[in-house]
């Protein structure tokens, strides 16, 4: 895997335990432990761009600190709060101790 294929190394597993915010390809992303899985998502809430790094994760949902919007961390759908587009999630892989995020745009249905 390499950036030519759209996959970019972002941090190792030890760093994830200490720091959840990473900058990848010019974007601030959150990398979150969620129910035994690693999830990568946009740092800004799609409703009004609130900093989701200030929110909380409970029961598989990321809660926006501004309007109590709640996003499912399995698919990004909004589960509570103001009407909003879904939270953008990025595919994640682990190779050894390295976390990789796919930044390549995907076509719907792929």
PDB file of N, CA and C in Angstrom:
ATOM      1  N   UNK A   1       0.840  -1.183   0.000  1.00  0.00           N
ATOM      2  CA  UNK A   1       0.000   0.000   0.000  1.00  0.00           C
ATOM      3  C   UNK A   1       0.880   1.238   0.000  1.00  0.00           C
ATOM      4  N   UNK A   2       0.506   2.208  -0.807  1.00  0.00           N
ATOM      5  CA  UNK A   2       1.227   3.473  -0.789  1.00  0.00           C
ATOM      6  C   UNK A   2       0.313   4.573  -1.280  1.00  0.00           C
ATOM      7  N   UNK A   3       0.814   5.818  -1.209  1.00  0.00           N
ATOM      8  CA  UNK A   3      -0.039   6.941  -1.581  1.00  0.00           C
ATOM      9  C   UNK A   3      -0.411   6.932  -3.053  1.00  0.00           C
ATOM     10  N   UNK A   4       0.343   6.231  -3.907  1.00  0.00           N
ATOM     11  CA  UNK A   4      -0.018   6.140  -5.319  1.00  0.00           C
ATOM     12  C   UNK A   4      -1.341   5.412  -5.492  1.00  0.00           C
ATOM     13  N   UNK A   5      -1.657   4.527  -4.586  1.00  0.00           N
ATOM     14  CA  UNK A   5      -2.912   3.790  -4.647  1.00  0.00           C
ATOM     15  C   UNK A   5      -4.006   4.487  -3.840  1.00  0.00           C
ATOM     16  N   UNK A   6      -3.725   5.676  -3.312  1.00  0.00           N
ATOM     17  CA  UNK A   6      -4.715   6.403  -2.525  1.00  0.00           C
ATOM     18  C   UNK A   6      -4.606   6.172  -1.033  1.00  0.00           C
ATOM     19  N   UNK A   7      -3.733   5.268  -0.596  1.00  0.00           N
ATOM     20  CA  UNK A   7      -3.559   4.973   0.828  1.00  0.00           C
ATOM     21  C   UNK A   7      -2.377   5.773   1.364  1.00  0.00           C
ATOM     22  N   UNK A   8      -2.587   6.442   2.504  1.00  0.00           N
ATOM     23  CA  UNK A   8      -1.561   7.289   3.093  1.00  0.00           C
ATOM     24  C   UNK A   8      -1.331   6.846   4.536  1.00  0.00           C
ATOM     25  N   UNK A   9      -0.065   6.647   4.941  1.00  0.00           N
ATOM     26  CA  UNK A   9       0.197   6.313   6.344  1.00  0.00           C
ATOM     27  C   UNK A   9      -0.048   7.542   7.212  1.00  0.00           C
ATOM     28  N   UNK A  10      -0.766   7.368   8.322  1.00  0.00           N
ATOM     29  CA  UNK A  10      -1.106   8.529   9.140  1.00  0.00           C
ATOM     30  C   UNK A  10      -0.473   8.517  10.522  1.00  0.00           C
ATOM     31  N   UNK A  11      -0.384   7.379  11.149  1.00  0.00           N
ATOM     32  CA  UNK A  11       0.249   7.298  12.461  1.00  0.00           C
ATOM     33  C   UNK A  11       0.373   5.831  12.847  1.00  0.00           C
ATOM     34  N   UNK A  12       1.156   5.585  13.891  1.00  0.00           N
ATOM     35  CA  UNK A  12       1.223   4.211  14.359  1.00  0.00           C
ATOM     36  C   UNK A  12       0.218   4.019  15.493  1.00  0.00           C
ATOM     37  N   UNK A  13      -0.021   2.782  15.838  1.00  0.00           N
ATOM     38  CA  UNK A  13      -1.031   2.472  16.845  1.00  0.00           C
ATOM     39  C   UNK A  13      -0.719   3.115  18.189  1.00  0.00           C
ATOM     40  N   UNK A  14       0.554   3.196  18.566  1.00  0.00           N
ATOM     41  CA  UNK A  14       0.920   3.823  19.838  1.00  0.00           C
ATOM     42  C   UNK A  14       0.535   5.295  19.865  1.00  0.00           C
ATOM     43  N   UNK A  15       0.722   6.005  18.759  1.00  0.00           N
ATOM     44  CA  UNK A  15       0.360   7.422  18.706  1.00  0.00           C
ATOM     45  C   UNK A  15      -1.151   7.590  18.826  1.00  0.00           C
ATOM     46  N   UNK A  16      -1.899   6.682  18.226  1.00  0.00           N
ATOM     47  CA  UNK A  16      -3.353   6.789  18.290  1.00  0.00           C
ATOM     48  C   UNK A  16      -3.831   6.756  19.734  1.00  0.00           C
ATOM     49  N   UNK A  17      -3.160   6.013  20.576  1.00  0.00           N
ATOM     50  CA  UNK A  17      -3.560   5.939  21.977  1.00  0.00           C
ATOM     51  C   UNK A  17      -3.350   7.268  22.691  1.00  0.00           C
ATOM     52  N   UNK A  18      -2.458   8.108  22.159  1.00  0.00           N
ATOM     53  CA  UNK A  18      -2.154   9.391  22.784  1.00  0.00           C
ATOM     54  C   UNK A  18      -2.826  10.574  22.096  1.00  0.00           C
ATOM     55  N   UNK A  19      -3.077  10.460  20.816  1.00  0.00           N
ATOM     56  CA  UNK A  19      -3.527  11.610  20.032  1.00  0.00           C
ATOM     57  C   UNK A  19      -4.533  11.148  18.988  1.00  0.00           C
ATOM     58  N   UNK A  20      -5.682  11.780  18.933  1.00  0.00           N
ATOM     59  CA  UNK A  20      -6.737  11.346  18.024  1.00  0.00           C
ATOM     60  C   UNK A  20      -6.834  12.198  16.768  1.00  0.00           C
ATOM     61  N   UNK A  21      -6.178  13.351  16.720  1.00  0.00           N
ATOM     62  CA  UNK A  21      -6.294  14.240  15.566  1.00  0.00           C
ATOM     63  C   UNK A  21      -5.043  14.102  14.709  1.00  0.00           C
ATOM     64  N   UNK A  22      -5.239  13.858  13.420  1.00  0.00           N
ATOM     65  CA  UNK A  22      -4.111  13.760  12.499  1.00  0.00           C
ATOM     66  C   UNK A  22      -4.390  14.637  11.288  1.00  0.00           C
ATOM     67  N   UNK A  23      -3.336  15.137  10.673  1.00  0.00           N
ATOM     68  CA  UNK A  23      -3.479  15.933   9.450  1.00  0.00           C
ATOM     69  C   UNK A  23      -3.029  15.061   8.295  1.00  0.00           C
ATOM     70  N   UNK A  24      -3.936  14.828   7.344  1.00  0.00           N
ATOM     71  CA  UNK A  24      -3.680  13.941   6.211  1.00  0.00           C
ATOM     72  C   UNK A  24      -4.061  14.664   4.933  1.00  0.00           C
ATOM     73  N   UNK A  25      -3.135  14.739   3.996  1.00  0.00           N
ATOM     74  CA  UNK A  25      -3.388  15.351   2.686  1.00  0.00           C
ATOM     75  C   UNK A  25      -4.060  16.719   2.829  1.00  0.00           C
ATOM     76  N   UNK A  26      -3.589  17.516   3.793  1.00  0.00           N
ATOM     77  CA  UNK A  26      -4.108  18.861   3.984  1.00  0.00           C
ATOM     78  C   UNK A  26      -5.429  18.931   4.713  1.00  0.00           C
ATOM     79  N   UNK A  27      -5.894  17.819   5.261  1.00  0.00           N
ATOM     80  CA  UNK A  27      -7.171  17.798   5.984  1.00  0.00           C
ATOM     81  C   UNK A  27      -6.940  17.374   7.426  1.00  0.00           C
ATOM     82  N   UNK A  28      -7.689  17.990   8.340  1.00  0.00           N
ATOM     83  CA  UNK A  28      -7.673  17.544   9.727  1.00  0.00           C
ATOM     84  C   UNK A  28      -8.707  16.442   9.879  1.00  0.00           C
ATOM     85  N   UNK A  29      -8.244  15.280  10.303  1.00  0.00           N
ATOM     86  CA  UNK A  29      -9.130  14.139  10.498  1.00  0.00           C
ATOM     87  C   UNK A  29      -9.065  13.671  11.937  1.00  0.00           C
ATOM     88  N   UNK A  30     -10.114  13.006  12.361  1.00  0.00           N
ATOM     89  CA  UNK A  30     -10.106  12.318  13.644  1.00  0.00           C
ATOM     90  C   UNK A  30      -9.880  10.846  13.379  1.00  0.00           C
ATOM     91  N   UNK A  31      -9.050  10.234  14.185  1.00  0.00           N
ATOM     92  CA  UNK A  31      -8.859   8.791  14.143  1.00  0.00           C
ATOM     93  C   UNK A  31      -9.276   8.301  15.525  1.00  0.00           C
ATOM     94  N   UNK A  32     -10.293   7.442  15.550  1.00  0.00           N
ATOM     95  CA  UNK A  32     -10.982   7.097  16.792  1.00  0.00           C
ATOM     96  C   UNK A  32     -11.013   5.587  16.988  1.00  0.00           C
ATOM     97  N   UNK A  33     -10.765   5.152  18.222  1.00  0.00           N
ATOM     98  CA  UNK A  33     -11.060   3.759  18.584  1.00  0.00           C
ATOM     99  C   UNK A  33     -12.556   3.694  18.831  1.00  0.00           C
ATOM    100  N   UNK A  34     -13.256   2.804  18.154  1.00  0.00           N
ATOM    101  CA  UNK A  34     -14.699   2.675  18.334  1.00  0.00           C
ATOM    102  C   UNK A  34     -15.087   1.204  18.348  1.00  0.00           C
ATOM    103  N   UNK A  35     -15.513   0.738  19.489  1.00  0.00           N
ATOM    104  CA  UNK A  35     -16.002  -0.636  19.626  1.00  0.00           C
ATOM    105  C   UNK A  35     -15.037  -1.654  19.022  1.00  0.00           C
ATOM    106  N   UNK A  36     -13.744  -1.487  19.316  1.00  0.00           N
ATOM    107  CA  UNK A  36     -12.739  -2.428  18.843  1.00  0.00           C
ATOM    108  C   UNK A  36     -12.236  -2.182  17.433  1.00  0.00           C
ATOM    109  N   UNK A  37     -12.726  -1.142  16.774  1.00  0.00           N
ATOM    110  CA  UNK A  37     -12.292  -0.803  15.416  1.00  0.00           C
ATOM    111  C   UNK A  37     -11.726   0.609  15.388  1.00  0.00           C
ATOM    112  N   UNK A  38     -10.916   0.872  14.374  1.00  0.00           N
ATOM    113  CA  UNK A  38     -10.405   2.227  14.171  1.00  0.00           C
ATOM    114  C   UNK A  38     -11.246   2.887  13.088  1.00  0.00           C
ATOM    115  N   UNK A  39     -11.696   4.103  13.372  1.00  0.00           N
ATOM    116  CA  UNK A  39     -12.524   4.868  12.440  1.00  0.00           C
ATOM    117  C   UNK A  39     -11.812   6.183  12.142  1.00  0.00           C
ATOM    118  N   UNK A  40     -11.794   6.580  10.876  1.00  0.00           N
ATOM    119  CA  UNK A  40     -11.255   7.881  10.479  1.00  0.00           C
ATOM    120  C   UNK A  40     -12.398   8.697   9.888  1.00  0.00           C
ATOM    121  N   UNK A  41     -12.521   9.951  10.336  1.00  0.00           N
ATOM    122  CA  UNK A  41     -13.608  10.806   9.847  1.00  0.00           C
ATOM    123  C   UNK A  41     -13.141  12.252   9.793  1.00  0.00           C
ATOM    124  N   UNK A  42     -13.946  13.080   9.132  1.00  0.00           N
ATOM    125  CA  UNK A  42     -13.686  14.515   9.095  1.00  0.00           C
ATOM    126  C   UNK A  42     -13.720  15.058  10.521  1.00  0.00           C
ATOM    127  N   UNK A  43     -12.898  16.052  10.783  1.00  0.00           N
ATOM    128  CA  UNK A  43     -12.869  16.663  12.111  1.00  0.00           C
ATOM    129  C   UNK A  43     -14.008  17.667  12.278  1.00  0.00           C
ATOM    130  N   UNK A  44     -14.461  18.274  11.187  1.00  0.00           N
ATOM    131  CA  UNK A  44     -15.500  19.303  11.243  1.00  0.00           C
ATOM    132  C   UNK A  44     -16.883  18.679  11.066  1.00  0.00           C
ATOM    133  N   UNK A  45     -17.808  19.056  11.921  1.00  0.00           N
ATOM    134  CA  UNK A  45     -19.190  18.594  11.805  1.00  0.00           C
ATOM    135  C   UNK A  45     -19.768  19.097  10.477  1.00  0.00           C
ATOM    136  N   UNK A  46     -20.460  18.243   9.723  1.00  0.00           N
ATOM    137  CA  UNK A  46     -21.018  18.686   8.444  1.00  0.00           C
ATOM    138  C   UNK A  46     -22.159  19.691   8.589  1.00  0.00           C
ATOM    139  N   UNK A  47     -22.696  19.879   9.797  1.00  0.00           N
ATOM    140  CA  UNK A  47     -23.792  20.825   9.992  1.00  0.00           C
ATOM    141  C   UNK A  47     -23.282  22.262  10.013  1.00  0.00           C
ATOM    142  N   UNK A  48     -22.428  22.606  10.975  1.00  0.00           N
ATOM    143  CA  UNK A  48     -21.909  23.978  11.077  1.00  0.00           C
ATOM    144  C   UNK A  48     -20.415  24.003  11.366  1.00  0.00           C
ATOM    145  N   UNK A  49     -19.712  22.963  10.982  1.00  0.00           N
ATOM    146  CA  UNK A  49     -18.256  22.899  11.077  1.00  0.00           C
ATOM    147  C   UNK A  49     -17.706  22.953  12.499  1.00  0.00           C
ATOM    148  N   UNK A  50     -18.497  22.567  13.493  1.00  0.00           N
ATOM    149  CA  UNK A  50     -17.987  22.512  14.869  1.00  0.00           C
ATOM    150  C   UNK A  50     -16.849  21.502  14.945  1.00  0.00           C
ATOM    151  N   UNK A  51     -15.942  21.704  15.880  1.00  0.00           N
ATOM    152  CA  UNK A  51     -14.789  20.820  16.045  1.00  0.00           C
ATOM    153  C   UNK A  51     -15.216  19.540  16.760  1.00  0.00           C
ATOM    154  N   UNK A  52     -15.311  18.456  16.007  1.00  0.00           N
ATOM    155  CA  UNK A  52     -15.746  17.185  16.577  1.00  0.00           C
ATOM    156  C   UNK A  52     -14.715  16.580  17.524  1.00  0.00           C
ATOM    157  N   UNK A  53     -13.492  17.100  17.509  1.00  0.00           N
ATOM    158  CA  UNK A  53     -12.490  16.633  18.471  1.00  0.00           C
ATOM    159  C   UNK A  53     -12.900  16.999  19.897  1.00  0.00           C
ATOM    160  N   UNK A  54     -13.798  17.970  20.032  1.00  0.00           N
ATOM    161  CA  UNK A  54     -14.295  18.372  21.344  1.00  0.00           C
ATOM    162  C   UNK A  54     -15.531  17.585  21.752  1.00  0.00           C
ATOM    163  N   UNK A  55     -16.023  16.737  20.860  1.00  0.00           N
ATOM    164  CA  UNK A  55     -17.203  15.926  21.146  1.00  0.00           C
ATOM    165  C   UNK A  55     -16.846  14.667  21.913  1.00  0.00           C
ATOM    166  N   UNK A  56     -17.856  13.832  22.123  1.00  0.00           N
ATOM    167  CA  UNK A  56     -17.664  12.582  22.848  1.00  0.00           C
ATOM    168  C   UNK A  56     -18.100  11.410  21.991  1.00  0.00           C
ATOM    169  N   UNK A  57     -17.476  10.264  22.245  1.00  0.00           N
ATOM    170  CA  UNK A  57     -17.868   9.023  21.588  1.00  0.00           C
ATOM    171  C   UNK A  57     -18.517   8.133  22.638  1.00  0.00           C
ATOM    172  N   UNK A  58     -19.770   7.749  22.380  1.00  0.00           N
ATOM    173  CA  UNK A  58     -20.471   6.808  23.255  1.00  0.00           C
ATOM    174  C   UNK A  58     -21.335   5.899  22.404  1.00  0.00           C
ATOM    175  N   UNK A  59     -21.363   4.641  22.757  1.00  0.00           N
ATOM    176  CA  UNK A  59     -22.235   3.652  22.109  1.00  0.00           C
ATOM    177  C   UNK A  59     -22.122   3.686  20.587  1.00  0.00           C
ATOM    178  N   UNK A  60     -20.904   3.836  20.074  1.00  0.00           N
ATOM    179  CA  UNK A  60     -20.698   3.802  18.630  1.00  0.00           C
ATOM    180  C   UNK A  60     -21.112   5.053  17.894  1.00  0.00           C
ATOM    181  N   UNK A  61     -21.300   6.152  18.631  1.00  0.00           N
ATOM    182  CA  UNK A  61     -21.710   7.412  18.016  1.00  0.00           C
ATOM    183  C   UNK A  61     -20.767   8.531  18.443  1.00  0.00           C
ATOM    184  N   UNK A  62     -20.520   9.449  17.512  1.00  0.00           N
ATOM    185  CA  UNK A  62     -19.735  10.648  17.798  1.00  0.00           C
ATOM    186  C   UNK A  62     -20.719  11.798  17.956  1.00  0.00           C
ATOM    187  N   UNK A  63     -20.660  12.473  19.104  1.00  0.00           N
ATOM    188  CA  UNK A  63     -21.610  13.538  19.427  1.00  0.00           C
ATOM    189  C   UNK A  63     -20.952  14.900  19.225  1.00  0.00           C
ATOM    190  N   UNK A  64     -21.593  15.732  18.421  1.00  0.00           N
ATOM    191  CA  UNK A  64     -21.103  17.084  18.160  1.00  0.00           C
ATOM    192  C   UNK A  64     -21.256  17.928  19.430  1.00  0.00           C
ATOM    193  N   UNK A  65     -20.235  18.709  19.796  1.00  0.00           N
ATOM    194  CA  UNK A  65     -20.327  19.515  21.007  1.00  0.00           C
ATOM    195  C   UNK A  65     -21.207  20.758  20.856  1.00  0.00           C
ATOM    196  N   UNK A  66     -21.544  21.146  19.634  1.00  0.00           N
ATOM    197  CA  UNK A  66     -22.293  22.381  19.431  1.00  0.00           C
ATOM    198  C   UNK A  66     -23.808  22.175  19.461  1.00  0.00           C
ATOM    199  N   UNK A  67     -24.335  21.240  18.693  1.00  0.00           N
ATOM    200  CA  UNK A  67     -25.787  21.091  18.592  1.00  0.00           C
ATOM    201  C   UNK A  67     -26.280  19.705  18.976  1.00  0.00           C
ATOM    202  N   UNK A  68     -25.446  18.924  19.625  1.00  0.00           N
ATOM    203  CA  UNK A  68     -25.810  17.575  20.067  1.00  0.00           C
ATOM    204  C   UNK A  68     -26.162  16.651  18.909  1.00  0.00           C
ATOM    205  N   UNK A  69     -25.687  16.972  17.713  1.00  0.00           N
ATOM    206  CA  UNK A  69     -25.857  16.036  16.602  1.00  0.00           C
ATOM    207  C   UNK A  69     -25.076  14.778  16.950  1.00  0.00           C
ATOM    208  N   UNK A  70     -25.578  13.649  16.502  1.00  0.00           N
ATOM    209  CA  UNK A  70     -24.947  12.370  16.797  1.00  0.00           C
ATOM    210  C   UNK A  70     -24.776  11.612  15.490  1.00  0.00           C
ATOM    211  N   UNK A  71     -23.550  11.131  15.235  1.00  0.00           N
ATOM    212  CA  UNK A  71     -23.243  10.432  13.990  1.00  0.00           C
ATOM    213  C   UNK A  71     -22.830   8.995  14.275  1.00  0.00           C
ATOM    214  N   UNK A  72     -23.421   8.062  13.545  1.00  0.00           N
ATOM    215  CA  UNK A  72     -23.075   6.653  13.656  1.00  0.00           C
ATOM    216  C   UNK A  72     -21.675   6.461  13.077  1.00  0.00           C
ATOM    217  N   UNK A  73     -20.771   5.869  13.849  1.00  0.00           N
ATOM    218  CA  UNK A  73     -19.392   5.706  13.387  1.00  0.00           C
ATOM    219  C   UNK A  73     -19.197   4.490  12.489  1.00  0.00           C
ATOM    220  N   UNK A  74     -20.247   3.756  12.209  1.00  0.00           N
ATOM    221  CA  UNK A  74     -20.146   2.652  11.244  1.00  0.00           C
ATOM    222  C   UNK A  74     -20.364   3.143   9.813  1.00  0.00           C
ATOM    223  N   UNK A  75     -21.279   4.129   9.647  1.00  0.00           N
ATOM    224  CA  UNK A  75     -21.596   4.576   8.284  1.00  0.00           C
ATOM    225  C   UNK A  75     -21.699   6.099   8.136  1.00  0.00           C
ATOM    226  N   UNK A  76     -21.536   6.847   9.218  1.00  0.00           N
ATOM    227  CA  UNK A  76     -21.561   8.305   9.156  1.00  0.00           C
ATOM    228  C   UNK A  76     -22.937   8.936   9.199  1.00  0.00           C
ATOM    229  N   UNK A  77     -24.001   8.123   9.225  1.00  0.00           N
ATOM    230  CA  UNK A  77     -25.347   8.690   9.219  1.00  0.00           C
ATOM    231  C   UNK A  77     -25.639   9.421  10.524  1.00  0.00           C
ATOM    232  N   UNK A  78     -26.480  10.426  10.403  1.00  0.00           N
ATOM    233  CA  UNK A  78     -26.882  11.193  11.567  1.00  0.00           C
ATOM    234  C   UNK A  78     -27.968  10.424  12.306  1.00  0.00           C
ATOM    235  N   UNK A  79     -27.811  10.296  13.610  1.00  0.00           N
ATOM    236  CA  UNK A  79     -28.789   9.538  14.386  1.00  0.00           C
ATOM    237  C   UNK A  79     -29.606  10.419  15.318  1.00  0.00           C
ATOM    238  N   UNK A  80     -29.182  11.658  15.528  1.00  0.00           N
ATOM    239  CA  UNK A  80     -29.931  12.595  16.369  1.00  0.00           C
ATOM    240  C   UNK A  80     -29.421  14.002  16.083  1.00  0.00           C
ATOM    241  N   UNK A  81     -30.263  15.002  16.395  1.00  0.00           N
ATOM    242  CA  UNK A  81     -29.831  16.392  16.259  1.00  0.00           C
ATOM    243  C   UNK A  81     -30.408  17.069  15.032  1.00  0.00           C
ATOM    244  N   UNK A  82     -29.825  18.199  14.688  1.00  0.00           N
ATOM    245  CA  UNK A  82     -30.267  18.994  13.552  1.00  0.00           C
ATOM    246  C   UNK A  82     -30.079  18.222  12.252  1.00  0.00           C
ATOM    247  N   UNK A  83     -30.945  18.450  11.258  1.00  0.00           N
ATOM    248  CA  UNK A  83     -30.742  17.796   9.957  1.00  0.00           C
ATOM    249  C   UNK A  83     -29.365  18.166   9.400  1.00  0.00           C
ATOM    250  N   UNK A  84     -28.668  17.169   8.899  1.00  0.00           N
ATOM    251  CA  UNK A  84     -27.304  17.381   8.447  1.00  0.00           C
ATOM    252  C   UNK A  84     -26.920  16.320   7.434  1.00  0.00           C
ATOM    253  N   UNK A  85     -25.998  16.642   6.543  1.00  0.00           N
ATOM    254  CA  UNK A  85     -25.436  15.591   5.692  1.00  0.00           C
ATOM    255  C   UNK A  85     -24.701  14.584   6.582  1.00  0.00           C
ATOM    256  N   UNK A  86     -24.433  13.394   6.076  1.00  0.00           N
ATOM    257  CA  UNK A  86     -23.698  12.412   6.875  1.00  0.00           C
ATOM    258  C   UNK A  86     -22.250  12.856   7.109  1.00  0.00           C
ATOM    259  N   UNK A  87     -21.667  12.328   8.159  1.00  0.00           N
ATOM    260  CA  UNK A  87     -20.262  12.560   8.463  1.00  0.00           C
ATOM    261  C   UNK A  87     -19.421  11.725   7.509  1.00  0.00           C
ATOM    262  N   UNK A  88     -18.424  12.330   6.905  1.00  0.00           N
ATOM    263  CA  UNK A  88     -17.590  11.597   5.961  1.00  0.00           C
ATOM    264  C   UNK A  88     -16.611  10.702   6.709  1.00  0.00           C
ATOM    265  N   UNK A  89     -16.643   9.419   6.380  1.00  0.00           N
ATOM    266  CA  UNK A  89     -15.726   8.433   6.943  1.00  0.00           C
ATOM    267  C   UNK A  89     -14.732   8.016   5.871  1.00  0.00           C
ATOM    268  N   UNK A  90     -13.549   7.605   6.283  1.00  0.00           N
ATOM    269  CA  UNK A  90     -12.498   7.172   5.365  1.00  0.00           C
ATOM    270  C   UNK A  90     -12.122   5.727   5.671  1.00  0.00           C
ATOM    271  N   UNK A  91     -11.892   4.921   4.632  1.00  0.00           N
ATOM    272  CA  UNK A  91     -11.445   3.541   4.859  1.00  0.00           C
ATOM    273  C   UNK A  91     -10.102   3.530   5.603  1.00  0.00           C
ATOM    274  N   UNK A  92      -9.968   2.573   6.519  1.00  0.00           N
ATOM    275  CA  UNK A  92      -8.767   2.440   7.345  1.00  0.00           C
ATOM    276  C   UNK A  92      -8.226   1.025   7.220  1.00  0.00           C
ATOM    277  N   UNK A  93      -6.897   0.908   7.176  1.00  0.00           N
ATOM    278  CA  UNK A  93      -6.219  -0.390   7.230  1.00  0.00           C
ATOM    279  C   UNK A  93      -5.069  -0.292   8.220  1.00  0.00           C
ATOM    280  N   UNK A  94      -4.709  -1.424   8.779  1.00  0.00           N
ATOM    281  CA  UNK A  94      -3.548  -1.489   9.661  1.00  0.00           C
ATOM    282  C   UNK A  94      -2.566  -2.477   9.061  1.00  0.00           C
ATOM    283  N   UNK A  95      -1.313  -2.036   8.907  1.00  0.00           N
ATOM    284  CA  UNK A  95      -0.239  -2.902   8.435  1.00  0.00           C
ATOM    285  C   UNK A  95       0.849  -2.858   9.495  1.00  0.00           C
ATOM    286  N   UNK A  96       1.077  -3.973  10.164  1.00  0.00           N
ATOM    287  CA  UNK A  96       2.015  -3.976  11.283  1.00  0.00           C
ATOM    288  C   UNK A  96       1.485  -3.068  12.368  1.00  0.00           C
ATOM    289  N   UNK A  97       2.237  -2.037  12.714  1.00  0.00           N
ATOM    290  CA  UNK A  97       1.810  -1.054  13.714  1.00  0.00           C
ATOM    291  C   UNK A  97       1.370   0.262  13.072  1.00  0.00           C
ATOM    292  N   UNK A  98       1.303   0.299  11.736  1.00  0.00           N
ATOM    293  CA  UNK A  98       1.003   1.530  10.996  1.00  0.00           C
ATOM    294  C   UNK A  98      -0.471   1.592  10.600  1.00  0.00           C
ATOM    295  N   UNK A  99      -1.117   2.738  10.854  1.00  0.00           N
ATOM    296  CA  UNK A  99      -2.494   2.980  10.426  1.00  0.00           C
ATOM    297  C   UNK A  99      -2.444   3.725   9.098  1.00  0.00           C
ATOM    298  N   UNK A 100      -3.192   3.250   8.110  1.00  0.00           N
ATOM    299  CA  UNK A 100      -3.287   3.852   6.781  1.00  0.00           C
ATOM    300  C   UNK A 100      -4.726   4.306   6.559  1.00  0.00           C
ATOM    301  N   UNK A 101      -4.891   5.442   5.871  1.00  0.00           N
ATOM    302  CA  UNK A 101      -6.218   5.942   5.508  1.00  0.00           C
ATOM    303  C   UNK A 101      -6.254   6.118   4.000  1.00  0.00           C
ATOM    304  N   UNK A 102      -7.349   5.668   3.393  1.00  0.00           N
ATOM    305  CA  UNK A 102      -7.522   5.859   1.954  1.00  0.00           C
ATOM    306  C   UNK A 102      -8.152   7.225   1.716  1.00  0.00           C
ATOM    307  N   UNK A 103      -7.441   8.076   0.985  1.00  0.00           N
ATOM    308  CA  UNK A 103      -7.909   9.434   0.723  1.00  0.00           C
ATOM    309  C   UNK A 103      -8.485   9.596  -0.674  1.00  0.00           C
ATOM    310  N   UNK A 104      -8.383   8.579  -1.491  1.00  0.00           N
ATOM    311  CA  UNK A 104      -8.874   8.649  -2.864  1.00  0.00           C
ATOM    312  C   UNK A 104     -10.395   8.750  -2.859  1.00  0.00           C
ATOM    313  N   UNK A 105     -10.921   9.640  -3.699  1.00  0.00           N
ATOM    314  CA  UNK A 105     -12.373   9.776  -3.830  1.00  0.00           C
ATOM    315  C   UNK A 105     -12.948   8.511  -4.447  1.00  0.00           C
ATOM    316  N   UNK A 106     -14.083   8.074  -3.934  1.00  0.00           N
ATOM    317  CA  UNK A 106     -14.746   6.890  -4.482  1.00  0.00           C
ATOM    318  C   UNK A 106     -16.016   7.307  -5.196  1.00  0.00           C
ATOM    319  N   UNK A 107     -16.318   6.591  -6.243  1.00  0.00           N
ATOM    320  CA  UNK A 107     -17.563   6.821  -6.966  1.00  0.00           C
ATOM    321  C   UNK A 107     -18.698   6.134  -6.211  1.00  0.00           C
ATOM    322  N   UNK A 108     -19.917   6.709  -6.203  1.00  0.00           N
ATOM    323  CA  UNK A 108     -21.044   6.044  -5.550  1.00  0.00           C
ATOM    324  C   UNK A 108     -21.219   4.631  -6.105  1.00  0.00           C
ATOM    325  N   UNK A 109     -21.479   3.696  -5.192  1.00  0.00           N
ATOM    326  CA  UNK A 109     -21.705   2.315  -5.609  1.00  0.00           C
ATOM    327  C   UNK A 109     -20.449   1.489  -5.720  1.00  0.00           C
ATOM    328  N   UNK A 110     -19.266   2.075  -5.466  1.00  0.00           N
ATOM    329  CA  UNK A 110     -18.004   1.326  -5.522  1.00  0.00           C
ATOM    330  C   UNK A 110     -17.616   0.813  -4.179  1.00  0.00           C
TER     331      UNK A 110
END
